[in-house]
Amino acid sequence: MAVLSITSADALIDVPRRIAVQGLAAGEEILVSSRTLRGPGIVWHAEARFRAAADGTVDLERDAPLSGSYAGVSAMGLVWSQAPETAGASREVFAAEPGAALETSIRVQRSDGSQLQGHFVQRLAGEGVGRREIREDGLVGTLYLPPGPGPHPAVLVLNGSGGGINEPRAALYASHGYAALALGYFKAPGLPDYISNTPLEYFEKALYWMHRRLRPAQGFVALSGQSRGGELVLLLGSLFPDSVSAVIGYVPGAVVHSAQNACDPATGRDGPAWIYRGKPLPHLWQNNRTATWAPWDEGPQPRRHANALLTALQDPDAVERARIRVENIRGPVLLLSASDDGSWPSSRYSRMVVERLEQHQHPHAVEHLDFADAGHSIVFPYVPTTQLVYAHPVSGRSSTSGGAPAPNAVADAQSWPAVLRFLKHAVQVQSAPEAENA
């Protein structure tokens, strides 16, 4: 009798699953499909056709599909290769409810017309993880706490130019033992709709709040930011070094940028994004002799925002004026970049950061993982990576984030364990002096 097995059937989202079928006829062809309800009620789907081995088994950890939504051996290929069944549907890959689990159904269609069915659950929040909305001291965010009394090391989680509150990543950090505050700074309840003229004192207040209210273990507060959030965490680490223990920049920027696609139309994309002490920070587009938006505005579809930024990087004086003073950071730095980033040149930016830290003999660990052929949307395992062209959530302009589904999936799968290792080591290093003085 044929049997479909899925292990682990219920676990955190970053746990790979083994999908296997036993009891087939040798050489039998089967069609294995997956369906997941994601975002605002949209079903995502993938399928692949396999041939059973001589022992009558198909094992996705071992076997490459004959055809289908993905190619090559990939245990989680039926997840990362999923695409919305409805054309033009939302590209949101998580559940509509913040931090909610995702349930994927697996169906096996045999050559005789019979079917096998199973399912597995991907959780962002592990057992005992708590969630609390924060609306204090002008802050807008969501706090996820690990089970147990603590204290726990903490992570401040910042989104990019889409704004909002990144609850999925905060929930997963908390599931691995970190008090995680997903902080909104625009496009969140009670906050502006745009990134333009965002006061950096807001984040300084958030850091103070975390140290005062959470009293994190060893006083450890790391910053984790994606895209514009990756630019922002390097900037905050340089401005408020006494409050920041470590910095994790996902596809980060090495310079201060203008408001760009997340701008307030009243001030425009060349207007400032960040304000500190009442003054806008100098940004890359300011008095830049080579910068032009033409490659973005007039380029072939799908347009690559990175091509415009490459023109701005040709003016060394403008780059130096806008450069983030990363040498002021007083902790380890992890940079995660993509060599085919369509949104901005995160590989080049990350190298610029590493070079600057080396020049200043940065006394803390510096790691740079550059994922070949991947695009801008590096998140964590195991989520769909197929939606490469999208309308920006603020400007509405269409572009590509770059990369391709398979290398994007590799970046997701390899970056997250690296982040957890980096954080674990950073906490150990910070706690070492206390242990020595105990």
Protein backbone atom coordinates (compact mmCIF):
# COMPACT_ATOMS: atom_id res chain seq x y z
CA MET A 1 0.00 0.00 0.00
CA ALA A 2 1.33 3.42 -0.93
CA VAL A 3 1.95 5.83 1.95
CA LEU A 4 2.76 9.58 1.94
CA SER A 5 4.95 10.68 4.86
CA ILE A 6 5.82 14.24 5.86
CA THR A 7 8.28 14.93 8.69
CA SER A 8 8.23 17.14 10.65
CA ALA A 9 4.50 17.66 10.23
CA ASP A 10 4.33 20.64 12.63
CA ALA A 11 7.39 22.79 13.31
CA LEU A 12 8.90 26.25 12.93
CA ILE A 13 9.02 27.64 9.40
CA ASP A 14 12.81 27.35 9.27
CA VAL A 15 12.72 23.55 9.73
CA PRO A 16 13.04 21.63 6.42
CA ARG A 17 10.49 18.86 5.85
CA ARG A 18 11.03 15.44 4.36
CA ILE A 19 8.29 14.55 1.88
CA ALA A 20 8.42 10.93 0.75
CA VAL A 21 6.17 8.28 -0.76
CA GLN A 22 6.62 4.54 -0.19
CA GLY A 23 4.84 1.52 -1.67
CA LEU A 24 4.78 2.62 -5.30
CA ALA A 25 5.49 0.41 -8.27
CA ALA A 26 9.08 0.57 -9.48
CA GLY A 27 9.33 3.27 -12.16
CA GLU A 28 5.83 4.57 -11.48
CA GLU A 29 5.31 8.25 -12.26
CA ILE A 30 3.45 10.40 -9.75
CA LEU A 31 2.45 14.07 -9.60
CA VAL A 32 3.08 15.75 -6.23
CA SER A 33 1.45 19.14 -5.64
CA SER A 34 1.33 21.67 -2.80
CA ARG A 35 -1.28 24.30 -1.90
CA THR A 36 -0.98 27.00 0.78
CA LEU A 37 -3.41 29.76 1.73
CA ARG A 38 -1.34 32.92 2.03
CA GLY A 39 -1.88 36.64 2.46
CA PRO A 40 -5.41 37.95 1.86
CA GLY A 41 -7.04 34.61 1.04
CA ILE A 42 -4.84 33.74 -1.96
CA VAL A 43 -3.96 30.11 -2.70
CA TRP A 44 -0.38 29.45 -3.78
CA HIS A 45 0.44 26.30 -5.72
CA ALA A 46 3.36 24.23 -7.01
CA GLU A 47 3.67 20.77 -8.54
CA ALA A 48 6.33 18.38 -9.78
CA ARG A 49 6.33 14.98 -11.48
CA PHE A 50 8.58 12.19 -10.16
CA ARG A 51 9.50 8.63 -11.10
CA ALA A 52 9.70 6.04 -8.32
CA ALA A 53 13.01 4.30 -7.67
CA ALA A 54 13.46 0.55 -7.98
CA ASP A 55 12.35 0.13 -4.36
CA GLY A 56 9.08 1.93 -5.07
CA THR A 57 9.94 5.17 -3.28
CA VAL A 58 10.02 8.86 -4.13
CA ASP A 59 11.94 11.06 -1.68
CA LEU A 60 12.15 14.80 -2.31
CA GLU A 61 15.38 14.95 -0.31
CA ARG A 62 16.92 12.57 -2.85
CA ASP A 63 15.03 12.85 -6.11
CA ALA A 64 14.89 15.56 -8.75
CA PRO A 65 11.56 16.01 -10.53
CA LEU A 66 11.11 14.96 -14.14
CA SER A 67 9.24 18.23 -14.73
CA GLY A 68 7.25 20.81 -12.82
CA SER A 69 7.55 24.03 -10.86
CA TYR A 70 11.23 23.52 -10.00
CA ALA A 71 14.26 21.58 -11.16
CA GLY A 72 16.99 19.71 -9.31
CA VAL A 73 16.96 18.05 -5.92
CA SER A 74 15.31 20.26 -3.29
CA ALA A 75 13.53 18.92 -0.23
CA MET A 76 11.44 22.11 0.00
CA GLY A 77 11.10 22.79 -3.71
CA LEU A 78 7.31 22.46 -3.50
CA VAL A 79 7.32 25.46 -1.12
CA TRP A 80 9.79 27.92 -2.61
CA SER A 81 8.53 27.33 -6.16
CA GLN A 82 4.91 28.11 -5.27
CA ALA A 83 3.12 30.89 -7.15
CA PRO A 84 -0.34 32.42 -6.68
CA GLU A 85 -3.11 30.55 -8.49
CA THR A 86 -4.79 33.89 -9.24
CA ALA A 87 -3.00 36.09 -11.76
CA GLY A 88 -2.07 39.51 -10.39
CA ALA A 89 -2.78 38.43 -6.80
CA SER A 90 -0.94 39.81 -3.78
CA ARG A 91 2.66 38.65 -3.44
CA GLU A 92 2.37 38.52 0.36
CA VAL A 93 3.63 35.06 1.33
CA PHE A 94 2.58 35.04 4.98
CA ALA A 95 -0.84 34.62 6.55
CA ALA A 96 -3.22 37.57 6.83
CA GLU A 97 -3.11 37.31 10.63
CA PRO A 98 0.25 38.58 11.96
CA GLY A 99 2.57 35.79 13.03
CA ALA A 100 0.02 33.08 12.21
CA ALA A 101 1.07 29.60 11.15
CA LEU A 102 0.89 28.47 7.52
CA GLU A 103 -0.66 25.13 6.58
CA THR A 104 0.35 23.43 3.34
CA SER A 105 -1.53 20.51 1.86
CA ILE A 106 0.33 17.90 -0.20
CA ARG A 107 -1.43 15.73 -2.76
CA VAL A 108 0.03 12.76 -4.63
CA GLN A 109 -1.71 11.67 -7.84
CA ARG A 110 -0.80 8.13 -8.91
CA SER A 111 -0.81 6.67 -12.39
CA ASP A 112 -3.90 4.57 -11.58
CA GLY A 113 -5.88 7.70 -10.67
CA SER A 114 -5.77 7.19 -6.90
CA GLN A 115 -4.57 9.92 -4.57
CA LEU A 116 -2.65 10.32 -1.32
CA GLN A 117 -2.99 13.41 0.84
CA GLY A 118 -1.12 14.96 3.75
CA HIS A 119 -0.22 18.33 5.19
CA PHE A 120 2.35 20.17 7.27
CA VAL A 121 2.33 23.33 9.39
CA GLN A 122 4.99 26.07 9.32
CA ARG A 123 5.00 28.16 12.47
CA LEU A 124 6.59 31.57 12.92
CA ALA A 125 5.94 31.65 16.66
CA GLY A 126 7.02 28.62 18.68
CA GLU A 127 5.16 27.27 21.68
CA GLY A 128 4.99 29.80 24.51
CA VAL A 129 6.06 32.81 22.41
CA GLY A 130 4.07 35.89 23.47
CA ARG A 131 2.87 38.78 21.32
CA ARG A 132 2.06 42.30 22.50
CA GLU A 133 1.28 45.43 20.54
CA ILE A 134 3.38 48.40 21.64
CA ARG A 135 1.85 51.87 21.63
CA GLU A 136 4.03 53.60 24.20
CA ASP A 137 6.17 56.74 24.22
CA GLY A 138 5.11 57.42 20.64
CA LEU A 139 6.42 54.02 19.49
CA VAL A 140 4.36 51.80 17.18
CA GLY A 141 5.35 48.17 16.96
CA THR A 142 4.82 44.61 18.08
CA LEU A 143 6.86 42.86 20.74
CA TYR A 144 7.43 39.11 20.61
CA LEU A 145 8.83 37.47 23.74
CA PRO A 146 10.29 33.97 24.12
CA PRO A 147 8.77 31.67 26.74
CA GLY A 148 10.19 31.89 30.23
CA PRO A 149 10.93 34.78 32.55
CA GLY A 150 14.14 35.94 30.89
CA PRO A 151 15.96 38.20 30.70
CA HIS A 152 16.53 37.55 27.01
CA PRO A 153 18.90 39.22 24.55
CA ALA A 154 16.92 41.55 22.30
CA VAL A 155 16.62 42.40 18.61
CA LEU A 156 15.06 45.50 17.06
CA VAL A 157 13.51 44.54 13.70
CA LEU A 158 13.07 47.18 10.98
CA ASN A 159 11.32 46.89 7.63
CA GLY A 160 12.35 48.51 4.36
CA SER A 161 10.73 50.94 1.94
CA GLY A 162 7.42 49.10 2.06
CA GLY A 163 6.97 50.30 5.62
CA GLY A 164 4.74 48.49 8.08
CA ILE A 165 5.69 46.21 10.95
CA ASN A 166 7.76 43.09 10.23
CA GLU A 167 6.03 40.68 12.58
CA PRO A 168 7.03 37.41 10.85
CA ARG A 169 10.74 38.01 11.38
CA ALA A 170 10.23 39.21 14.96
CA ALA A 171 8.14 36.14 15.77
CA LEU A 172 10.86 33.85 14.44
CA TYR A 173 13.59 35.68 16.37
CA ALA A 174 11.52 35.21 19.54
CA SER A 175 11.11 31.52 18.71
CA HIS A 176 14.90 31.28 18.91
CA GLY A 177 15.22 33.01 22.27
CA TYR A 178 15.34 36.74 21.48
CA ALA A 179 13.00 39.45 22.70
CA ALA A 180 12.14 40.97 19.34
CA LEU A 181 10.52 44.35 18.79
CA ALA A 182 9.20 44.79 15.25
CA LEU A 183 9.08 48.57 15.01
CA GLY A 184 7.05 50.50 12.48
CA TYR A 185 8.24 53.91 11.33
CA PHE A 186 5.86 54.61 8.47
CA LYS A 187 2.81 52.96 6.89
CA ALA A 188 1.77 51.70 10.32
CA PRO A 189 -1.10 52.78 12.62
CA GLY A 190 -0.73 56.41 13.68
CA LEU A 191 2.46 56.94 11.67
CA PRO A 192 3.11 58.81 8.40
CA ASP A 193 2.38 57.14 5.09
CA TYR A 194 5.84 57.91 3.75
CA ILE A 195 9.50 57.55 4.69
CA SER A 196 10.24 61.21 3.96
CA ASN A 197 11.63 63.25 6.86
CA THR A 198 11.69 60.38 9.35
CA PRO A 199 13.31 61.62 12.59
CA LEU A 200 16.09 59.34 13.79
CA GLU A 201 15.30 60.33 17.38
CA TYR A 202 12.32 57.98 17.05
CA PHE A 203 14.70 55.00 16.86
CA GLU A 204 16.87 56.41 19.62
CA LYS A 205 13.74 56.43 21.78
CA ALA A 206 13.00 52.83 20.78
CA LEU A 207 16.49 51.73 21.80
CA TYR A 208 16.12 53.51 25.11
CA TRP A 209 12.72 51.86 25.62
CA MET A 210 14.17 48.42 24.94
CA HIS A 211 17.02 48.85 27.40
CA ARG A 212 14.75 50.32 30.07
CA ARG A 213 11.66 48.14 29.73
CA LEU A 214 13.07 44.83 28.52
CA ARG A 215 16.31 44.94 30.52
CA PRO A 216 17.85 42.51 28.02
CA ALA A 217 20.35 39.86 29.06
CA GLN A 218 23.87 41.33 29.21
CA GLY A 219 22.33 44.57 27.91
CA PHE A 220 22.37 43.01 24.45
CA VAL A 221 20.31 44.77 21.78
CA ALA A 222 20.99 43.91 18.14
CA LEU A 223 19.57 45.67 15.09
CA SER A 224 18.13 43.70 12.17
CA GLY A 225 16.95 45.56 9.08
CA GLN A 226 15.99 44.77 5.50
CA SER A 227 16.74 46.99 2.46
CA ARG A 228 16.08 50.59 3.62
CA GLY A 229 16.00 48.99 7.05
CA GLY A 230 19.47 47.57 6.26
CA GLU A 231 20.67 51.09 5.52
CA LEU A 232 18.94 52.26 8.68
CA VAL A 233 20.51 49.72 11.07
CA LEU A 234 24.01 50.68 9.92
CA LEU A 235 23.09 54.33 10.35
CA LEU A 236 21.65 53.78 13.84
CA GLY A 237 24.64 51.70 14.89
CA SER A 238 26.92 54.55 13.84
CA LEU A 239 24.86 57.26 15.57
CA PHE A 240 23.93 55.45 18.80
CA PRO A 241 26.83 53.03 19.35
CA ASP A 242 26.39 52.85 23.13
CA SER A 243 22.90 51.38 22.68
CA VAL A 244 23.66 48.86 19.92
CA SER A 245 25.42 45.54 20.50
CA ALA A 246 25.39 44.11 16.96
CA VAL A 247 24.12 44.98 13.48
CA ILE A 248 22.51 42.67 10.90
CA GLY A 249 22.00 44.28 7.50
CA TYR A 250 19.90 42.39 4.98
CA VAL A 251 20.68 43.72 1.47
CA PRO A 252 21.85 46.97 3.10
CA GLY A 253 22.94 50.34 1.78
CA ALA A 254 26.36 51.81 2.56
CA VAL A 255 25.23 55.40 2.05
CA VAL A 256 22.30 57.55 3.09
CA HIS A 257 19.66 57.61 0.37
CA SER A 258 16.91 60.03 -0.47
CA ALA A 259 13.27 59.08 0.05
CA GLN A 260 13.11 57.37 -3.37
CA ASN A 261 10.04 55.17 -4.01
CA ALA A 262 8.72 55.57 -0.47
CA CYS A 263 8.66 59.36 -0.72
CA ASP A 264 5.95 61.81 0.15
CA PRO A 265 4.87 63.16 -3.27
CA ALA A 266 4.95 66.66 -1.78
CA THR A 267 8.72 66.47 -1.22
CA GLY A 268 9.59 64.02 -4.00
CA ARG A 269 11.98 61.13 -4.38
CA ASP A 270 15.02 63.42 -4.17
CA GLY A 271 13.90 64.76 -0.81
CA PRO A 272 15.42 63.52 2.45
CA ALA A 273 14.45 60.28 4.15
CA TRP A 274 16.20 60.82 7.49
CA ILE A 275 16.18 63.84 9.80
CA TYR A 276 18.41 64.13 12.86
CA ARG A 277 18.41 67.02 15.32
CA GLY A 278 16.11 68.93 13.02
CA LYS A 279 18.35 68.66 9.95
CA PRO A 280 18.18 66.28 6.98
CA LEU A 281 21.16 63.97 6.58
CA PRO A 282 23.18 64.47 3.39
CA HIS A 283 22.13 61.82 0.90
CA LEU A 284 23.52 60.26 -2.26
CA TRP A 285 21.40 62.21 -4.75
CA GLN A 286 22.27 65.56 -3.21
CA ASN A 287 24.54 67.69 -5.42
CA ASN A 288 25.46 64.55 -7.33
CA ARG A 289 27.17 65.28 -10.67
CA THR A 290 26.49 61.89 -12.28
CA ALA A 291 23.17 60.75 -10.83
CA THR A 292 20.23 60.25 -13.17
CA TRP A 293 16.93 58.44 -12.79
CA ALA A 294 16.81 57.75 -16.55
CA PRO A 295 17.87 54.07 -16.34
CA TRP A 296 14.97 53.51 -13.94
CA ASP A 297 12.40 55.79 -15.54
CA GLU A 298 13.16 54.83 -19.14
CA GLY A 299 14.80 51.41 -18.87
CA PRO A 300 13.38 48.21 -20.37
CA GLN A 301 10.80 46.20 -18.46
CA PRO A 302 11.05 44.84 -15.88
CA ARG A 303 12.85 47.93 -14.63
CA ARG A 304 15.78 47.68 -12.23
CA HIS A 305 15.99 50.44 -9.66
CA ALA A 306 19.64 49.50 -9.05
CA ASN A 307 20.63 50.82 -12.48
CA ALA A 308 19.81 54.40 -11.47
CA LEU A 309 21.74 54.12 -8.22
CA LEU A 310 24.80 52.89 -10.08
CA THR A 311 24.92 56.24 -11.90
CA ALA A 312 24.92 58.05 -8.56
CA LEU A 313 27.84 55.99 -7.27
CA GLN A 314 30.06 57.40 -10.04
CA ASP A 315 30.45 60.69 -8.15
CA PRO A 316 33.00 59.92 -5.40
CA ASP A 317 32.47 63.24 -3.64
CA ALA A 318 28.72 62.69 -3.34
CA VAL A 319 29.32 59.13 -2.15
CA GLU A 320 31.70 60.32 0.55
CA ARG A 321 29.28 63.00 1.76
CA ALA A 322 26.49 60.45 2.03
CA ARG A 323 28.59 57.59 3.40
CA ILE A 324 27.38 56.01 6.64
CA ARG A 325 30.13 56.32 9.26
CA VAL A 326 30.11 52.59 10.01
CA GLU A 327 33.48 52.87 11.74
CA ASN A 328 31.59 54.29 14.72
CA ILE A 329 29.72 51.02 15.27
CA ARG A 330 30.87 49.30 18.48
CA GLY A 331 29.95 45.72 17.81
CA PRO A 332 30.00 42.91 15.25
CA VAL A 333 28.42 43.42 11.84
CA LEU A 334 26.77 40.88 9.55
CA LEU A 335 25.95 41.83 5.95
CA LEU A 336 23.77 39.69 3.68
CA SER A 337 23.76 40.74 0.03
CA ALA A 338 22.69 39.50 -3.40
CA SER A 339 24.78 39.63 -6.55
CA ASP A 340 21.75 40.15 -8.84
CA ASP A 341 19.94 42.66 -6.63
CA GLY A 342 17.53 44.57 -8.83
CA SER A 343 16.55 47.13 -6.19
CA TRP A 344 19.98 48.47 -5.37
CA PRO A 345 23.60 47.22 -5.53
CA SER A 346 23.66 45.49 -2.14
CA SER A 347 26.77 43.44 -2.99
CA ARG A 348 28.75 46.58 -3.79
CA TYR A 349 27.33 48.41 -0.79
CA SER A 350 28.29 45.57 1.53
CA ARG A 351 31.83 45.52 0.15
CA MET A 352 32.05 49.27 0.75
CA VAL A 353 31.07 48.71 4.39
CA VAL A 354 33.58 45.90 4.84
CA GLU A 355 36.37 47.94 3.26
CA ARG A 356 35.64 50.94 5.49
CA LEU A 357 35.64 48.77 8.62
CA GLU A 358 38.91 47.16 7.57
CA GLN A 359 40.48 50.57 6.98
CA HIS A 360 39.54 51.57 10.52
CA GLN A 361 40.65 48.21 11.98
CA HIS A 362 37.20 47.46 13.37
CA PRO A 363 37.87 45.45 16.55
CA HIS A 364 34.73 43.31 16.24
CA ALA A 365 33.71 40.51 13.90
CA VAL A 366 32.64 41.50 10.39
CA GLU A 367 30.92 38.95 8.15
CA HIS A 368 29.69 39.40 4.59
CA LEU A 369 27.68 36.71 2.83
CA ASP A 370 27.08 37.52 -0.83
CA PHE A 371 24.62 35.16 -2.49
CA ALA A 372 25.36 34.47 -6.15
CA ASP A 373 22.54 35.14 -8.62
CA ALA A 374 20.09 36.00 -5.83
CA GLY A 375 17.89 39.07 -5.69
CA HIS A 376 16.83 41.69 -3.17
CA SER A 377 14.20 39.67 -1.30
CA ILE A 378 16.30 37.66 1.15
CA VAL A 379 14.12 36.60 4.08
CA PHE A 380 14.32 33.19 5.78
CA PRO A 381 13.49 29.56 4.95
CA TYR A 382 11.14 28.26 3.61
CA VAL A 383 8.89 30.62 1.65
CA PRO A 384 8.02 31.15 -2.03
CA THR A 385 10.65 32.99 -4.06
CA THR A 386 8.89 33.22 -7.42
CA GLN A 387 7.46 36.73 -7.37
CA LEU A 388 10.33 38.71 -8.87
CA VAL A 389 8.35 41.56 -10.45
CA TYR A 390 6.15 43.65 -8.20
CA ALA A 391 4.50 47.03 -7.75
CA HIS A 392 6.20 49.03 -5.01
CA PRO A 393 3.83 49.21 -2.01
CA VAL A 394 4.22 53.00 -1.72
CA SER A 395 4.88 54.39 -5.20
CA GLY A 396 3.04 51.65 -7.08
CA ARG A 397 5.80 51.57 -9.71
CA SER A 398 6.62 48.18 -11.17
CA SER A 399 10.14 46.76 -11.01
CA THR A 400 12.09 43.58 -10.42
CA SER A 401 13.85 42.64 -7.21
CA GLY A 402 16.23 40.54 -9.30
CA GLY A 403 17.54 37.04 -8.95
CA ALA A 404 15.71 33.84 -9.83
CA PRO A 405 13.58 31.51 -7.70
CA ALA A 406 16.19 28.80 -7.11
CA PRO A 407 19.14 31.05 -6.06
CA ASN A 408 16.72 33.19 -4.04
CA ALA A 409 15.67 30.04 -2.18
CA VAL A 410 19.31 29.18 -1.50
CA ALA A 411 19.87 32.67 -0.08
CA ASP A 412 16.85 32.28 2.20
CA ALA A 413 17.94 28.85 3.40
CA GLN A 414 21.59 29.73 4.03
CA SER A 415 21.26 33.26 5.40
CA TRP A 416 19.04 32.45 8.38
CA PRO A 417 21.32 29.87 10.06
CA ALA A 418 24.17 32.35 9.56
CA VAL A 419 22.14 35.05 11.34
CA LEU A 420 21.42 32.74 14.28
CA ARG A 421 25.10 31.75 14.56
CA PHE A 422 26.15 35.39 14.38
CA LEU A 423 23.73 36.43 17.13
CA LYS A 424 24.67 33.52 19.39
CA HIS A 425 28.35 34.38 19.11
CA ALA A 426 27.72 38.11 19.59
CA VAL A 427 25.79 37.42 22.80
CA GLN A 428 28.55 35.12 24.05
CA VAL A 429 31.22 37.73 23.36
CA GLN A 430 29.26 40.46 25.13
CA SER A 431 28.62 38.25 28.16
CA ALA A 432 32.26 37.08 28.41
CA PRO A 433 33.54 40.10 30.41
CA GLU A 434 30.75 39.59 32.95
CA ALA A 435 31.67 35.93 33.29
CA GLU A 436 35.32 36.82 33.78
CA ASN A 437 34.44 39.36 36.49
CA ALA A 438 31.99 37.06 38.29
